[in-house]
Amino acid sequence: GTGTEVAARLLHGWSQRAGAPFIIASAARMTPERVEEELFGVEEGGDLVRPGLLEQAHGGTLFLDEIADMPVATQARILRVLTDQSFSRIGGQRTVKVDVRVVSATSRDLMAEIADGNFREDLYYRLNVVPVTIPALAERREDIPVLVEHFVAHYARERRVPTPEIASDALVALQSYEWPGNVRQLRNVVERTVILAPGDRIGRIDLDLLPPEVLGTGNQSEGGMGTNAIMGSPLKEARETFEREYLRIQIRRFSGNISRTANFIGMERSALHRKLKLLGITETREDRN
């Protein structure tokens, strides 16, 4: 979910192979029984039945996604291809020569997979010529506004509606979330938000339209603004907003008893009265000692 395919396409587009094919081979989507047919193609009686992904990528780039899911037996054949740039189709005897740049990706710790006997060490070192680490979305939060704008515009076009504006506090909430599912999860959240936006609010994505997992309902108090609602404010305004909401909750908690409220929060009663007046909070009930 970090965008490895996007990175692979960029590498292809920046290279001298940009005009040649970019072919994706997702090991996770291939059944172990068919993975070699998919990669190397099929030949019967000396005739080509179906070209494999390696032949389709000739002159260009083959992107091996989730390489750790590839069967160990197939890993040996891939190593030979990387070394010789040649292979035989399934059911064939002829040697097929190709000119392919291979870019591979994985979300697993390949050294751990090697230790467990699930991945060939020689293939690892053959692939690991120029390693590129794609950081998690939580490690590059400055990318989130650009990604959100892109996905919002994309899904608005799909629905044939005007591209909605993104409220600043909603954007701050999106940037503050941890995104365990990375860019894929962000895309899904934006798609869901655009689809479920009420017709009378389609022109703007406000904080309350975001799904609960992003808002963090545990940070939201009943009747209060919640943490995310103040994150886009200057410090002085955010502090006043927090104090106002906090004191309202505590006063409600103690049934309007200012003395008990002051005692709980650690303020003198007279100081609390001054604070309430400063924050514009009207005391509606008398103290009951």
Protein backbone atom coordinates (compact mmCIF):
# COMPACT_ATOMS: atom_id res chain seq x y z
CA GLY A 1 0.00 0.00 0.00
CA THR A 2 2.98 2.37 -0.07
CA GLY A 3 2.96 2.87 -3.84
CA THR A 4 5.61 0.45 -5.03
CA GLU A 5 4.01 0.07 -8.44
CA VAL A 6 3.96 3.86 -8.87
CA ALA A 7 7.68 3.95 -7.99
CA ALA A 8 8.41 1.14 -10.46
CA ARG A 9 6.52 2.97 -13.21
CA LEU A 10 8.53 6.11 -12.47
CA LEU A 11 11.80 4.17 -12.78
CA HIS A 12 10.58 2.78 -16.10
CA GLY A 13 9.44 6.20 -17.32
CA TRP A 14 12.75 7.83 -16.43
CA SER A 15 14.77 5.17 -18.24
CA GLN A 16 15.69 4.70 -21.89
CA ARG A 17 13.10 1.88 -21.93
CA ALA A 18 10.21 4.28 -21.43
CA GLY A 19 8.78 3.59 -24.88
CA ALA A 20 8.83 -0.20 -24.36
CA PRO A 21 6.33 -2.30 -22.37
CA PHE A 22 5.91 -2.11 -18.60
CA ILE A 23 4.58 -5.50 -17.48
CA ILE A 24 3.39 -6.39 -13.98
CA ALA A 25 3.79 -9.88 -12.56
CA SER A 26 2.14 -10.14 -9.15
CA ALA A 27 3.37 -13.30 -7.48
CA ALA A 28 0.66 -12.98 -4.84
CA ARG A 29 -2.06 -13.24 -7.50
CA MET A 30 -0.62 -16.25 -9.30
CA THR A 31 -1.43 -19.76 -8.17
CA PRO A 32 1.69 -21.90 -7.57
CA GLU A 33 0.51 -24.22 -10.36
CA ARG A 34 0.31 -21.45 -12.95
CA VAL A 35 3.07 -19.04 -11.95
CA GLU A 36 5.64 -20.53 -14.36
CA GLU A 37 3.15 -20.58 -17.23
CA GLU A 38 2.39 -16.92 -16.53
CA LEU A 39 6.05 -15.95 -16.47
CA PHE A 40 7.58 -18.17 -19.17
CA GLY A 41 4.66 -18.90 -21.49
CA VAL A 42 3.50 -22.19 -23.00
CA GLU A 43 4.70 -24.09 -26.07
CA GLU A 44 3.29 -27.28 -27.61
CA GLY A 45 4.83 -29.26 -30.45
CA GLY A 46 7.29 -26.51 -31.12
CA ASP A 47 4.53 -23.93 -31.56
CA LEU A 48 3.91 -20.98 -29.29
CA VAL A 49 0.61 -21.32 -27.45
CA ARG A 50 0.84 -18.35 -25.14
CA PRO A 51 3.73 -15.91 -24.52
CA GLY A 52 4.72 -15.34 -20.93
CA LEU A 53 5.13 -12.06 -19.12
CA LEU A 54 8.88 -12.13 -19.69
CA GLU A 55 8.41 -12.15 -23.45
CA GLN A 56 5.74 -9.48 -23.22
CA ALA A 57 8.22 -7.25 -21.34
CA HIS A 58 10.97 -7.69 -23.95
CA GLY A 59 12.87 -4.42 -24.35
CA GLY A 60 11.10 -2.93 -21.35
CA THR A 61 10.55 -3.53 -17.64
CA LEU A 62 9.08 -6.47 -15.75
CA PHE A 63 7.79 -5.52 -12.32
CA LEU A 64 7.78 -8.52 -9.97
CA ASP A 65 5.39 -7.49 -7.23
CA GLU A 66 5.42 -9.30 -3.87
CA ILE A 67 8.42 -11.38 -4.90
CA ALA A 68 8.42 -13.17 -1.51
CA ASP A 69 5.22 -15.00 -2.53
CA MET A 70 6.94 -16.70 -5.46
CA PRO A 71 7.37 -20.49 -5.08
CA VAL A 72 10.93 -21.56 -4.29
CA ALA A 73 11.13 -23.73 -7.43
CA THR A 74 10.20 -20.75 -9.60
CA GLN A 75 12.75 -18.60 -7.81
CA ALA A 76 15.51 -20.84 -9.20
CA ARG A 77 14.27 -20.31 -12.77
CA ILE A 78 13.94 -16.54 -12.26
CA LEU A 79 17.53 -16.46 -11.01
CA ARG A 80 18.64 -18.14 -14.23
CA VAL A 81 16.71 -15.63 -16.32
CA LEU A 82 18.29 -12.72 -14.45
CA THR A 83 21.73 -14.20 -15.05
CA ASP A 84 21.37 -15.31 -18.67
CA GLN A 85 18.38 -13.27 -19.92
CA SER A 86 17.10 -16.52 -21.45
CA PHE A 87 14.63 -19.29 -20.61
CA SER A 88 12.54 -22.09 -22.08
CA ARG A 89 8.76 -21.98 -22.29
CA ILE A 90 6.70 -24.59 -20.46
CA GLY A 91 6.48 -27.62 -22.74
CA GLY A 92 9.18 -26.32 -25.06
CA GLN A 93 12.84 -27.00 -25.72
CA ARG A 94 13.89 -23.84 -27.51
CA THR A 95 15.80 -21.13 -25.68
CA VAL A 96 14.10 -17.76 -25.73
CA LYS A 97 16.33 -14.69 -25.36
CA VAL A 98 14.93 -11.53 -23.82
CA ASP A 99 16.19 -8.09 -22.88
CA VAL A 100 14.31 -7.15 -19.72
CA ARG A 101 14.95 -4.88 -16.78
CA VAL A 102 13.53 -6.44 -13.61
CA VAL A 103 12.20 -4.34 -10.74
CA SER A 104 10.93 -6.30 -7.74
CA ALA A 105 9.04 -5.34 -4.61
CA THR A 106 8.06 -6.93 -1.33
CA SER A 107 6.46 -5.90 1.95
CA ARG A 108 8.23 -8.67 3.86
CA ASP A 109 11.63 -8.96 5.52
CA LEU A 110 13.44 -11.08 2.95
CA MET A 111 16.31 -11.88 5.29
CA ALA A 112 13.79 -13.43 7.66
CA GLU A 113 12.25 -15.33 4.74
CA ILE A 114 15.71 -16.61 3.80
CA ALA A 115 16.30 -17.77 7.38
CA ASP A 116 12.98 -19.63 7.28
CA GLY A 117 13.89 -21.29 3.97
CA ASN A 118 11.16 -19.50 2.01
CA PHE A 119 13.40 -17.38 -0.20
CA ARG A 120 16.65 -18.13 -2.01
CA GLU A 121 19.60 -16.17 -0.72
CA ASP A 122 21.31 -16.10 -4.13
CA LEU A 123 18.17 -14.62 -5.72
CA TYR A 124 18.00 -12.00 -3.00
CA TYR A 125 21.52 -10.79 -3.72
CA ARG A 126 20.90 -10.88 -7.48
CA LEU A 127 17.81 -8.70 -7.09
CA ASN A 128 19.22 -6.40 -4.44
CA VAL A 129 21.53 -4.46 -6.77
CA VAL A 130 19.97 -1.03 -6.23
CA PRO A 131 17.68 -1.18 -3.19
CA VAL A 132 14.97 1.49 -2.90
CA THR A 133 13.02 1.86 0.33
CA ILE A 134 9.52 3.30 0.01
CA PRO A 135 8.62 4.89 3.37
CA ALA A 136 5.22 4.35 4.95
CA LEU A 137 2.68 7.12 4.46
CA ALA A 138 2.95 8.04 8.16
CA GLU A 139 6.62 8.84 7.51
CA ARG A 140 5.84 11.28 4.69
CA ARG A 141 2.79 13.18 5.88
CA GLU A 142 3.64 16.13 3.65
CA ASP A 143 2.49 13.96 0.72
CA ILE A 144 -1.01 13.53 2.14
CA PRO A 145 -2.54 16.87 0.96
CA VAL A 146 -1.38 16.25 -2.61
CA LEU A 147 -2.63 12.65 -2.56
CA VAL A 148 -5.97 13.69 -1.08
CA GLU A 149 -6.48 16.36 -3.74
CA HIS A 150 -5.62 13.83 -6.46
CA PHE A 151 -8.00 11.16 -5.16
CA VAL A 152 -10.81 13.65 -4.49
CA ALA A 153 -10.58 14.98 -8.05
CA HIS A 154 -10.43 11.42 -9.45
CA TYR A 155 -13.53 10.16 -7.64
CA ALA A 156 -15.42 13.39 -8.27
CA ARG A 157 -14.85 12.89 -12.01
CA GLU A 158 -16.05 9.30 -11.73
CA ARG A 159 -19.29 10.47 -10.11
CA ARG A 160 -19.58 13.41 -12.53
CA VAL A 161 -19.79 15.95 -9.71
CA PRO A 162 -17.76 19.10 -9.06
CA THR A 163 -14.50 18.49 -7.21
CA PRO A 164 -15.25 19.24 -3.55
CA GLU A 165 -13.17 21.59 -1.44
CA ILE A 166 -11.39 20.00 1.51
CA ALA A 167 -11.88 21.79 4.82
CA SER A 168 -8.64 22.65 6.60
CA ASP A 169 -9.56 20.77 9.78
CA ALA A 170 -10.47 17.69 7.72
CA LEU A 171 -7.07 17.85 6.02
CA VAL A 172 -5.32 18.17 9.37
CA ALA A 173 -7.19 15.10 10.64
CA LEU A 174 -6.11 13.16 7.56
CA GLN A 175 -2.51 14.21 8.10
CA SER A 176 -2.67 13.24 11.79
CA TYR A 177 -3.96 9.71 11.26
CA GLU A 178 -1.42 6.86 11.32
CA TRP A 179 -2.54 5.15 8.06
CA PRO A 180 -1.63 1.51 8.78
CA GLY A 181 -2.87 0.67 5.27
CA ASN A 182 -0.74 3.43 3.70
CA VAL A 183 -1.74 5.06 0.40
CA ARG A 184 -4.21 2.28 -0.44
CA GLN A 185 -6.16 2.99 2.74
CA LEU A 186 -6.06 6.75 2.12
CA ARG A 187 -7.46 6.21 -1.36
CA ASN A 188 -10.27 4.03 0.00
CA VAL A 189 -11.13 6.57 2.70
CA VAL A 190 -11.33 9.40 0.16
CA GLU A 191 -13.44 7.28 -2.20
CA ARG A 192 -15.85 6.35 0.61
CA THR A 193 -16.11 9.96 1.76
CA VAL A 194 -16.88 11.27 -1.74
CA ILE A 195 -19.46 8.53 -2.37
CA LEU A 196 -21.26 8.97 0.97
CA ALA A 197 -21.24 12.78 1.03
CA PRO A 198 -24.84 14.07 1.22
CA GLY A 199 -26.12 15.77 -1.91
CA ASP A 200 -26.37 19.15 -0.23
CA ARG A 201 -22.74 18.95 0.97
CA ILE A 202 -21.02 17.45 -2.06
CA GLY A 203 -19.08 20.68 -2.66
CA ARG A 204 -17.08 20.46 0.55
CA ILE A 205 -15.52 17.70 2.63
CA ASP A 206 -15.86 18.74 6.25
CA LEU A 207 -14.39 17.04 9.30
CA ASP A 208 -17.62 15.27 10.24
CA LEU A 209 -17.79 13.53 6.85
CA LEU A 210 -14.61 11.55 7.51
CA PRO A 211 -15.00 7.95 8.74
CA PRO A 212 -14.74 7.14 12.48
CA GLU A 213 -11.35 5.43 12.23
CA VAL A 214 -9.80 8.65 10.95
CA LEU A 215 -11.59 10.93 13.39
CA GLY A 216 -10.65 8.75 16.34
CA THR A 217 -13.94 8.60 18.18
CA GLY A 218 -12.06 7.91 21.40
CA ASN A 219 -10.81 11.50 21.25
CA GLN A 220 -14.31 12.90 20.88
CA SER A 221 -16.39 13.81 23.89
CA GLU A 222 -20.14 13.91 23.84
CA GLY A 223 -21.20 17.43 23.02
CA GLY A 224 -17.60 18.53 22.56
CA MET A 225 -15.53 19.46 19.56
CA GLY A 226 -12.95 16.67 19.87
CA THR A 227 -9.19 16.86 19.43
CA ASN A 228 -9.16 16.91 15.62
CA ALA A 229 -11.47 19.92 15.49
CA ILE A 230 -8.85 22.20 17.09
CA MET A 231 -5.72 20.86 15.39
CA GLY A 232 -5.95 23.35 12.53
CA SER A 233 -6.19 26.39 14.85
CA PRO A 234 -3.46 28.72 16.10
CA LEU A 235 -2.15 27.79 19.56
CA LYS A 236 -3.96 30.57 21.47
CA GLU A 237 -7.30 29.80 19.81
CA ALA A 238 -6.81 26.04 20.24
CA ARG A 239 -5.97 26.46 23.92
CA GLU A 240 -9.05 28.59 24.51
CA THR A 241 -11.23 26.12 22.63
CA PHE A 242 -9.87 23.22 24.65
CA GLU A 243 -10.33 25.07 27.96
CA ARG A 244 -13.87 26.06 27.04
CA GLU A 245 -14.88 22.50 26.13
CA TYR A 246 -13.05 21.01 29.10
CA LEU A 247 -14.70 23.34 31.62
CA ARG A 248 -18.15 22.81 30.13
CA ILE A 249 -17.74 19.04 30.49
CA GLN A 250 -16.52 19.33 34.09
CA ILE A 251 -19.30 21.72 35.09
CA ARG A 252 -21.84 19.34 33.57
CA ARG A 253 -20.15 16.45 35.34
CA PHE A 254 -20.63 18.15 38.74
CA SER A 255 -24.19 19.27 37.93
CA GLY A 256 -23.26 22.92 37.74
CA ASN A 257 -21.61 23.03 41.14
CA ILE A 258 -18.77 25.54 40.69
CA SER A 259 -17.13 24.78 44.03
CA ARG A 260 -16.86 21.06 43.31
CA THR A 261 -15.68 21.77 39.77
CA ALA A 262 -12.99 24.14 41.03
CA ASN A 263 -11.87 21.63 43.63
CA PHE A 264 -11.59 18.83 41.04
CA ILE A 265 -9.63 20.82 38.46
CA GLY A 266 -7.37 22.39 41.09
CA MET A 267 -8.42 26.05 40.82
CA GLU A 268 -9.62 28.57 43.35
CA ARG A 269 -13.35 29.18 43.06
CA SER A 270 -12.86 32.87 42.34
CA ALA A 271 -10.22 32.09 39.70
CA LEU A 272 -12.61 29.65 38.00
CA HIS A 273 -15.33 32.33 37.92
CA ARG A 274 -12.90 34.70 36.22
CA LYS A 275 -11.87 32.02 33.72
CA LEU A 276 -15.50 31.22 32.87
CA LYS A 277 -16.22 34.89 32.31
CA LEU A 278 -13.11 35.27 30.13
CA LEU A 279 -14.12 32.27 28.00
CA GLY A 280 -17.71 33.44 27.68
CA ILE A 281 -19.21 30.50 29.58
CA THR A 282 -22.48 31.44 31.28
CA GLU A 283 -23.13 29.86 34.66
CA THR A 284 -26.74 28.74 34.64
CA ARG A 285 -26.92 27.04 38.03
CA GLU A 286 -26.11 28.17 41.56
CA ASP A 287 -23.68 26.33 43.78
CA ARG A 288 -25.18 23.70 46.02
CA ASN A 289 -22.84 23.07 48.95
